[in-house]
Amino acid sequence: MLKEKIQEDLKSALKGGEQEKAGVLRMLLSSLQNRELEKRQRFAKEHADAKPEDLQEKSRLTDEEIQNAVAFEVKKRKEAQEAFLKGGRPELAEQEGREAVILQAYLPEQLSEEEVRSLAALAIKEAGAAGPKDIGNVLRILMPKVRGKAEGAEVSRIVKDLLS
C-alpha cells in the first residue's frame, strides 16, 4: 500500500540524513492521518453501532485517496511557489518546488498534453459538446479518467481550447 511506502521512505530519509525529504514526508503522513480521522468520524456518525475495529478498518485511506491527498499537497506547493516568485522570494519558491518534486514521486506518471488532448477529444464526442457552454459536461466525463494524472487547471484549459 502507498502509505506504507511513504512510511518506509521516511525511515530511509531519516537514516540517510535527508532532512528536507523527511520533513515533507512527515507533513504528508500528518495530512493523511487527519484525513483518516475525518473519514472515521463520518463513518462513526453514519454507523453509530459500529465496533472500534470496524471504525479502524473503514477509516483506512485507499491508495486512490492517498494519491488525491498527495496531488492536493503538490498543488499547494506549486501555488505557493508562484506566489513566492511574484513576491520576490526566489529562495522560498525554490524550496516549494523541491518539496513538490519529492511529493510527485508518490503520484502516477503524469499524462502529456497530447494524451490529455486525445482524451478530451473523446470526452467532447461522448458528451456531444458543441461549444464553450458544454465545458462542464465534458469535464464531468473527463476528470475521472485523468484524476491524479493531470492537473485540473491544465485539463480545463485544454477543453476550453478544443471547444473554442
Protein backbone atom coordinates (compact mmCIF):
# COMPACT_ATOMS: atom_id res chain seq x y z
CA MET A 1 0.00 0.00 0.00
CA LEU A 2 1.14 3.54 -0.74
CA LYS A 3 1.03 4.72 2.87
CA GLU A 4 3.49 2.02 3.92
CA LYS A 5 5.84 3.06 1.11
CA ILE A 6 5.72 6.65 2.35
CA GLN A 7 6.48 5.48 5.90
CA GLU A 8 9.41 3.38 4.68
CA ASP A 9 10.74 6.30 2.64
CA LEU A 10 10.52 8.50 5.75
CA LYS A 11 12.61 5.99 7.70
CA SER A 12 15.16 5.87 4.89
CA ALA A 13 15.29 9.67 4.70
CA LEU A 14 15.86 9.92 8.44
CA LYS A 15 18.61 7.29 8.35
CA GLY A 16 20.19 8.97 5.33
CA GLY A 17 20.12 12.43 6.90
CA GLU A 18 17.79 13.87 4.25
CA GLN A 19 16.15 16.47 6.47
CA GLU A 20 14.09 18.21 3.79
CA LYS A 21 12.64 14.97 2.44
CA ALA A 22 11.92 13.72 5.96
CA GLY A 23 10.11 16.95 6.80
CA VAL A 24 7.96 16.77 3.66
CA LEU A 25 7.07 13.12 4.29
CA ARG A 26 6.22 13.84 7.95
CA MET A 27 3.89 16.60 6.81
CA LEU A 28 2.31 14.27 4.26
CA LEU A 29 1.78 11.50 6.81
CA SER A 30 0.23 14.02 9.19
CA SER A 31 -2.14 15.16 6.44
CA LEU A 32 -3.07 11.54 5.71
CA GLN A 33 -3.70 10.88 9.39
CA ASN A 34 -6.02 13.90 9.55
CA ARG A 35 -7.93 12.62 6.52
CA GLU A 36 -8.28 9.20 8.15
CA LEU A 37 -9.65 10.80 11.31
CA GLU A 38 -12.20 12.75 9.26
CA LYS A 39 -13.18 9.56 7.44
CA ARG A 40 -13.51 7.70 10.77
CA GLN A 41 -15.73 10.45 12.20
CA ARG A 42 -18.01 10.38 9.15
CA PHE A 43 -18.28 6.58 9.33
CA ALA A 44 -18.96 6.68 13.08
CA LYS A 45 -21.80 9.17 12.58
CA GLU A 46 -23.37 7.03 9.87
CA HIS A 47 -22.90 3.75 11.79
CA ALA A 48 -23.36 4.51 15.48
CA ASP A 49 -23.34 0.81 16.40
CA ALA A 50 -20.01 0.07 14.67
CA LYS A 51 -17.29 -1.74 16.60
CA PRO A 52 -13.95 0.04 17.16
CA GLU A 53 -12.11 -2.42 14.90
CA ASP A 54 -14.69 -1.71 12.16
CA LEU A 55 -14.06 2.00 12.55
CA GLN A 56 -10.33 1.47 12.20
CA GLU A 57 -10.74 -0.70 9.11
CA LYS A 58 -13.26 1.58 7.38
CA SER A 59 -11.22 4.71 8.07
CA ARG A 60 -8.11 3.47 6.24
CA LEU A 61 -7.41 5.51 3.15
CA THR A 62 -7.28 3.74 -0.19
CA ASP A 63 -4.31 4.29 -2.50
CA GLU A 64 -6.54 6.49 -4.66
CA GLU A 65 -7.48 8.66 -1.66
CA ILE A 66 -3.80 8.91 -0.74
CA GLN A 67 -2.92 9.93 -4.30
CA ASN A 68 -5.63 12.59 -4.17
CA ALA A 69 -4.13 13.91 -0.93
CA VAL A 70 -0.65 13.94 -2.46
CA ALA A 71 -1.97 15.72 -5.56
CA PHE A 72 -3.60 18.33 -3.30
CA GLU A 73 -0.30 18.88 -1.47
CA VAL A 74 1.60 19.20 -4.77
CA LYS A 75 -0.94 21.75 -5.98
CA LYS A 76 -0.49 23.76 -2.76
CA ARG A 77 3.29 23.75 -3.27
CA LYS A 78 3.01 24.94 -6.86
CA GLU A 79 0.62 27.73 -5.90
CA ALA A 80 2.95 28.80 -3.09
CA GLN A 81 5.89 28.68 -5.48
CA GLU A 82 4.11 31.06 -7.86
CA ALA A 83 3.16 33.37 -5.01
CA PHE A 84 6.73 33.48 -3.72
CA LEU A 85 8.06 34.23 -7.20
CA LYS A 86 5.57 37.10 -7.59
CA GLY A 87 6.52 38.34 -4.14
CA GLY A 88 10.21 38.44 -4.95
CA ARG A 89 11.21 35.49 -2.75
CA PRO A 90 13.00 33.12 -5.15
CA GLU A 91 14.66 31.13 -2.33
CA LEU A 92 11.27 30.21 -0.84
CA ALA A 93 9.88 29.48 -4.30
CA GLU A 94 12.78 27.11 -4.91
CA GLN A 95 12.09 25.30 -1.63
CA GLU A 96 8.42 24.86 -2.55
CA GLY A 97 9.48 23.49 -5.93
CA ARG A 98 11.79 20.94 -4.30
CA GLU A 99 9.01 19.83 -1.96
CA ALA A 100 6.61 19.41 -4.90
CA VAL A 101 9.18 17.18 -6.65
CA ILE A 102 9.50 15.00 -3.53
CA LEU A 103 5.72 14.60 -3.34
CA GLN A 104 5.28 13.90 -7.05
CA ALA A 105 7.18 10.64 -6.60
CA TYR A 106 4.00 9.25 -5.00
CA LEU A 107 1.74 10.15 -7.90
CA PRO A 108 1.19 8.10 -11.04
CA GLU A 109 3.07 9.23 -14.12
CA GLN A 110 1.55 12.44 -15.44
CA LEU A 111 -0.16 12.48 -18.83
CA SER A 112 1.40 14.55 -21.59
CA GLU A 113 -0.56 17.42 -23.11
CA GLU A 114 -1.15 15.34 -26.25
CA GLU A 115 -2.61 12.48 -24.20
CA VAL A 116 -4.92 14.87 -22.36
CA ARG A 117 -5.98 16.43 -25.67
CA SER A 118 -6.77 12.99 -27.07
CA LEU A 119 -8.85 12.04 -24.00
CA ALA A 120 -10.54 15.45 -24.08
CA ALA A 121 -11.49 14.99 -27.74
CA LEU A 122 -13.09 11.64 -26.89
CA ALA A 123 -14.96 13.18 -23.95
CA ILE A 124 -16.21 16.02 -26.17
CA LYS A 125 -17.51 13.48 -28.67
CA GLU A 126 -19.11 11.40 -25.88
CA ALA A 127 -20.79 14.48 -24.36
CA GLY A 128 -21.94 15.74 -27.74
CA ALA A 129 -20.45 19.11 -26.84
CA ALA A 130 -20.81 21.89 -29.39
CA GLY A 131 -19.31 24.92 -27.71
CA PRO A 132 -17.96 26.61 -24.59
CA LYS A 133 -21.29 26.25 -22.78
CA ASP A 134 -20.74 22.46 -22.68
CA ILE A 135 -17.41 22.60 -20.80
CA GLY A 136 -19.00 21.36 -17.56
CA ASN A 137 -20.46 18.27 -19.23
CA VAL A 138 -17.13 17.42 -20.86
CA LEU A 139 -15.20 17.88 -17.61
CA ARG A 140 -17.66 15.59 -15.75
CA ILE A 141 -16.78 12.83 -18.21
CA LEU A 142 -13.07 13.61 -18.49
CA MET A 143 -11.94 14.33 -14.93
CA PRO A 144 -12.48 10.82 -13.50
CA LYS A 145 -10.29 9.47 -16.31
CA VAL A 146 -7.39 11.85 -15.66
CA ARG A 147 -7.65 12.40 -11.89
CA GLY A 148 -4.20 12.23 -10.34
CA LYS A 149 -2.58 12.04 -13.77
CA ALA A 150 -3.14 15.65 -14.87
CA GLU A 151 -3.83 18.94 -13.15
CA GLY A 152 -7.41 20.14 -13.28
CA ALA A 153 -6.49 23.63 -14.45
CA GLU A 154 -4.49 22.19 -17.36
CA VAL A 155 -7.35 19.84 -18.32
CA SER A 156 -9.85 22.70 -18.17
CA ARG A 157 -7.62 24.90 -20.35
CA ILE A 158 -7.28 22.15 -22.97
CA VAL A 159 -11.04 21.51 -23.05
CA LYS A 160 -11.69 25.25 -23.46
CA ASP A 161 -9.18 25.37 -26.34
CA LEU A 162 -10.83 22.42 -28.08
CA LEU A 163 -14.34 23.83 -27.67
CA SER A 164 -13.45 27.36 -28.83
